[in-house]
Amino acid sequence: MERWQKMNVYFSLVGLIIFIVCIIFIKKLPILLLPAAFALGITFNCFKTIYKKIPPPGYEEVENKNKNISKNKKKKAKKR
């Protein structure tokens, strides 16, 4: 889980850097508004993930599978 949060922090920082660089050069190349908007979206999404403490995709499924496996083993042990 900590690795997931660190990755989101790094992505948000990279998104901010790309956004700032694109805004600096926007007068020379107006097409840079597209990557600036994309980088800003990535930044907001990563900050939202960090703030709400959303787990990585598939994290809950693995937890549930492990619980089901242990329950099945206990049931089999009780039957014997």
N, C-alpha and C. Protein backbone atom coordinates (compact mmCIF):
# COMPACT_ATOMS: atom_id res chain seq x y z
N MET A 1 0.82 -1.19 0.00
CA MET A 1 0.00 0.00 0.00
C MET A 1 0.87 1.25 0.00
N GLU A 2 1.96 1.22 0.73
CA GLU A 2 2.84 2.37 0.77
C GLU A 2 3.45 2.63 -0.61
N ARG A 3 3.76 1.57 -1.31
CA ARG A 3 4.34 1.72 -2.65
C ARG A 3 3.34 2.39 -3.59
N TRP A 4 2.05 2.05 -3.44
CA TRP A 4 0.99 2.65 -4.25
C TRP A 4 0.91 4.15 -3.99
N GLN A 5 1.00 4.56 -2.73
CA GLN A 5 0.93 5.98 -2.40
C GLN A 5 2.16 6.72 -2.90
N LYS A 6 3.35 6.11 -2.78
CA LYS A 6 4.57 6.75 -3.28
C LYS A 6 4.48 6.93 -4.79
N MET A 7 3.97 5.93 -5.48
CA MET A 7 3.84 6.02 -6.93
C MET A 7 2.90 7.16 -7.31
N ASN A 8 1.80 7.32 -6.58
CA ASN A 8 0.87 8.41 -6.86
C ASN A 8 1.50 9.77 -6.59
N VAL A 9 2.33 9.87 -5.56
CA VAL A 9 3.02 11.13 -5.28
C VAL A 9 3.96 11.47 -6.44
N TYR A 10 4.72 10.49 -6.91
CA TYR A 10 5.65 10.74 -8.01
C TYR A 10 4.90 11.12 -9.30
N PHE A 11 3.80 10.44 -9.59
CA PHE A 11 3.02 10.77 -10.78
C PHE A 11 2.45 12.18 -10.69
N SER A 12 2.00 12.57 -9.50
CA SER A 12 1.44 13.90 -9.36
C SER A 12 2.53 14.97 -9.52
N LEU A 13 3.72 14.71 -9.01
CA LEU A 13 4.82 15.66 -9.17
C LEU A 13 5.25 15.78 -10.63
N VAL A 14 5.33 14.65 -11.31
CA VAL A 14 5.68 14.68 -12.74
C VAL A 14 4.60 15.41 -13.53
N GLY A 15 3.33 15.18 -13.18
CA GLY A 15 2.24 15.90 -13.84
C GLY A 15 2.33 17.40 -13.63
N LEU A 16 2.67 17.82 -12.42
CA LEU A 16 2.83 19.25 -12.16
C LEU A 16 3.99 19.85 -12.94
N ILE A 17 5.08 19.13 -13.02
CA ILE A 17 6.25 19.62 -13.77
C ILE A 17 5.91 19.76 -15.25
N ILE A 18 5.25 18.75 -15.81
CA ILE A 18 4.86 18.82 -17.22
C ILE A 18 3.89 19.98 -17.45
N PHE A 19 2.96 20.16 -16.54
CA PHE A 19 2.00 21.26 -16.64
C PHE A 19 2.71 22.61 -16.64
N ILE A 20 3.63 22.81 -15.72
CA ILE A 20 4.35 24.08 -15.63
C ILE A 20 5.18 24.34 -16.87
N VAL A 21 5.88 23.33 -17.36
CA VAL A 21 6.71 23.49 -18.56
C VAL A 21 5.84 23.82 -19.77
N CYS A 22 4.72 23.16 -19.90
CA CYS A 22 3.83 23.42 -21.03
C CYS A 22 3.24 24.84 -20.96
N ILE A 23 2.90 25.28 -19.77
CA ILE A 23 2.34 26.63 -19.63
C ILE A 23 3.40 27.69 -19.95
N ILE A 24 4.66 27.42 -19.63
CA ILE A 24 5.73 28.38 -19.92
C ILE A 24 5.87 28.57 -21.43
N PHE A 25 5.81 27.49 -22.18
CA PHE A 25 6.03 27.55 -23.63
C PHE A 25 4.74 27.63 -24.45
N ILE A 26 3.63 27.97 -23.83
CA ILE A 26 2.35 27.95 -24.53
C ILE A 26 2.23 29.07 -25.57
N LYS A 27 2.94 30.19 -25.37
CA LYS A 27 2.87 31.29 -26.34
C LYS A 27 3.56 30.92 -27.65
N LYS A 28 4.61 30.11 -27.56
CA LYS A 28 5.34 29.71 -28.77
C LYS A 28 4.62 28.58 -29.50
N LEU A 29 4.08 27.64 -28.75
CA LEU A 29 3.38 26.50 -29.33
C LEU A 29 2.04 26.32 -28.63
N PRO A 30 0.96 26.83 -29.22
CA PRO A 30 -0.34 26.71 -28.56
C PRO A 30 -0.83 25.25 -28.43
N ILE A 31 -0.26 24.36 -29.20
CA ILE A 31 -0.67 22.95 -29.13
C ILE A 31 -0.29 22.32 -27.79
N LEU A 32 0.62 22.97 -27.05
CA LEU A 32 1.03 22.45 -25.76
C LEU A 32 -0.06 22.55 -24.70
N LEU A 33 -1.18 23.15 -25.05
CA LEU A 33 -2.29 23.21 -24.12
C LEU A 33 -2.88 21.82 -23.87
N LEU A 34 -2.81 20.96 -24.87
CA LEU A 34 -3.32 19.59 -24.72
C LEU A 34 -2.52 18.77 -23.70
N PRO A 35 -1.18 18.71 -23.82
CA PRO A 35 -0.45 17.96 -22.78
C PRO A 35 -0.55 18.62 -21.41
N ALA A 36 -0.71 19.95 -21.38
CA ALA A 36 -0.86 20.64 -20.09
C ALA A 36 -2.15 20.20 -19.42
N ALA A 37 -3.22 20.11 -20.18
CA ALA A 37 -4.50 19.68 -19.61
C ALA A 37 -4.43 18.21 -19.17
N PHE A 38 -3.76 17.38 -19.95
CA PHE A 38 -3.61 15.97 -19.59
C PHE A 38 -2.81 15.83 -18.30
N ALA A 39 -1.71 16.57 -18.19
CA ALA A 39 -0.87 16.51 -17.00
C ALA A 39 -1.62 17.01 -15.77
N LEU A 40 -2.43 18.04 -15.94
CA LEU A 40 -3.21 18.56 -14.82
C LEU A 40 -4.26 17.53 -14.37
N GLY A 41 -4.84 16.82 -15.31
CA GLY A 41 -5.79 15.77 -14.97
C GLY A 41 -5.14 14.63 -14.21
N ILE A 42 -3.95 14.23 -14.63
CA ILE A 42 -3.22 13.18 -13.93
C ILE A 42 -2.90 13.62 -12.51
N THR A 43 -2.49 14.88 -12.37
CA THR A 43 -2.15 15.41 -11.05
C THR A 43 -3.35 15.39 -10.12
N PHE A 44 -4.49 15.87 -10.59
CA PHE A 44 -5.69 15.89 -9.75
C PHE A 44 -6.13 14.47 -9.38
N ASN A 45 -6.05 13.56 -10.34
CA ASN A 45 -6.45 12.18 -10.07
C ASN A 45 -5.54 11.54 -9.01
N CYS A 46 -4.25 11.78 -9.11
CA CYS A 46 -3.31 11.21 -8.13
C CYS A 46 -3.52 11.83 -6.76
N PHE A 47 -3.73 13.14 -6.70
CA PHE A 47 -3.99 13.78 -5.40
C PHE A 47 -5.28 13.25 -4.78
N LYS A 48 -6.29 13.01 -5.61
CA LYS A 48 -7.55 12.46 -5.11
C LYS A 48 -7.34 11.06 -4.55
N THR A 49 -6.54 10.27 -5.24
CA THR A 49 -6.25 8.91 -4.79
C THR A 49 -5.50 8.92 -3.47
N ILE A 50 -4.57 9.85 -3.32
CA ILE A 50 -3.81 9.95 -2.08
C ILE A 50 -4.71 10.43 -0.95
N TYR A 51 -5.52 11.44 -1.21
CA TYR A 51 -6.37 12.04 -0.17
C TYR A 51 -7.43 11.07 0.34
N LYS A 52 -8.06 10.35 -0.58
CA LYS A 52 -9.13 9.42 -0.19
C LYS A 52 -8.59 8.06 0.21
N LYS A 53 -7.29 7.85 0.07
CA LYS A 53 -6.63 6.58 0.41
C LYS A 53 -7.27 5.41 -0.32
N ILE A 54 -7.44 5.56 -1.62
CA ILE A 54 -8.02 4.52 -2.45
C ILE A 54 -6.97 3.43 -2.66
N PRO A 55 -7.29 2.16 -2.40
CA PRO A 55 -6.32 1.09 -2.59
C PRO A 55 -6.08 0.83 -4.07
N PRO A 56 -4.97 0.18 -4.40
CA PRO A 56 -4.69 -0.12 -5.80
C PRO A 56 -5.74 -1.06 -6.38
N PRO A 57 -5.92 -1.03 -7.69
CA PRO A 57 -6.90 -1.93 -8.30
C PRO A 57 -6.52 -3.39 -8.07
N GLY A 58 -7.50 -4.19 -7.72
CA GLY A 58 -7.25 -5.61 -7.48
C GLY A 58 -6.80 -5.92 -6.07
N TYR A 59 -6.59 -4.92 -5.25
CA TYR A 59 -6.11 -5.13 -3.88
C TYR A 59 -7.17 -5.82 -3.03
N GLU A 60 -8.41 -5.41 -3.15
CA GLU A 60 -9.49 -5.99 -2.36
C GLU A 60 -9.79 -7.43 -2.80
N GLU A 61 -9.67 -7.70 -4.07
CA GLU A 61 -9.96 -9.03 -4.57
C GLU A 61 -8.99 -10.05 -4.00
N VAL A 62 -7.73 -9.70 -3.91
CA VAL A 62 -6.73 -10.62 -3.37
C VAL A 62 -7.03 -10.88 -1.90
N GLU A 63 -7.40 -9.84 -1.17
CA GLU A 63 -7.73 -9.99 0.24
C GLU A 63 -8.91 -10.94 0.42
N ASN A 64 -9.96 -10.77 -0.37
CA ASN A 64 -11.14 -11.62 -0.26
C ASN A 64 -10.83 -13.06 -0.62
N LYS A 65 -10.01 -13.28 -1.62
CA LYS A 65 -9.66 -14.63 -2.02
C LYS A 65 -8.91 -15.34 -0.91
N ASN A 66 -7.99 -14.62 -0.27
CA ASN A 66 -7.23 -15.23 0.82
C ASN A 66 -8.15 -15.61 1.98
N LYS A 67 -9.14 -14.79 2.28
CA LYS A 67 -10.07 -15.09 3.36
C LYS A 67 -10.90 -16.32 3.01
N ASN A 68 -11.35 -16.40 1.75
CA ASN A 68 -12.15 -17.54 1.32
C ASN A 68 -11.35 -18.83 1.38
N ILE A 69 -10.10 -18.77 1.00
CA ILE A 69 -9.25 -19.96 1.03
C ILE A 69 -9.08 -20.45 2.46
N SER A 70 -8.83 -19.53 3.38
CA SER A 70 -8.63 -19.94 4.77
C SER A 70 -9.93 -20.50 5.36
N LYS A 71 -11.09 -19.94 4.97
CA LYS A 71 -12.36 -20.47 5.46
C LYS A 71 -12.59 -21.88 4.92
N ASN A 72 -12.26 -22.09 3.65
CA ASN A 72 -12.43 -23.42 3.06
C ASN A 72 -11.54 -24.45 3.75
N LYS A 73 -10.33 -24.06 4.08
CA LYS A 73 -9.41 -24.98 4.75
C LYS A 73 -9.95 -25.33 6.14
N LYS A 74 -10.51 -24.34 6.84
CA LYS A 74 -11.05 -24.60 8.17
C LYS A 74 -12.24 -25.55 8.09
N LYS A 75 -13.10 -25.35 7.07
CA LYS A 75 -14.26 -26.23 6.92
C LYS A 75 -13.84 -27.66 6.63
N LYS A 76 -12.82 -27.81 5.78
CA LYS A 76 -12.35 -29.16 5.46
C LYS A 76 -11.72 -29.83 6.69
N ALA A 77 -11.02 -29.02 7.49
CA ALA A 77 -10.38 -29.58 8.68
C ALA A 77 -11.45 -30.02 9.67
N LYS A 78 -12.54 -29.30 9.79
CA LYS A 78 -13.61 -29.65 10.74
C LYS A 78 -14.33 -30.93 10.29
N LYS A 79 -14.47 -31.13 8.98
CA LYS A 79 -15.15 -32.31 8.46
C LYS A 79 -14.37 -33.57 8.74
N ARG A 80 -13.07 -33.48 8.75
CA ARG A 80 -12.23 -34.67 8.97
C ARG A 80 -12.23 -35.00 10.41
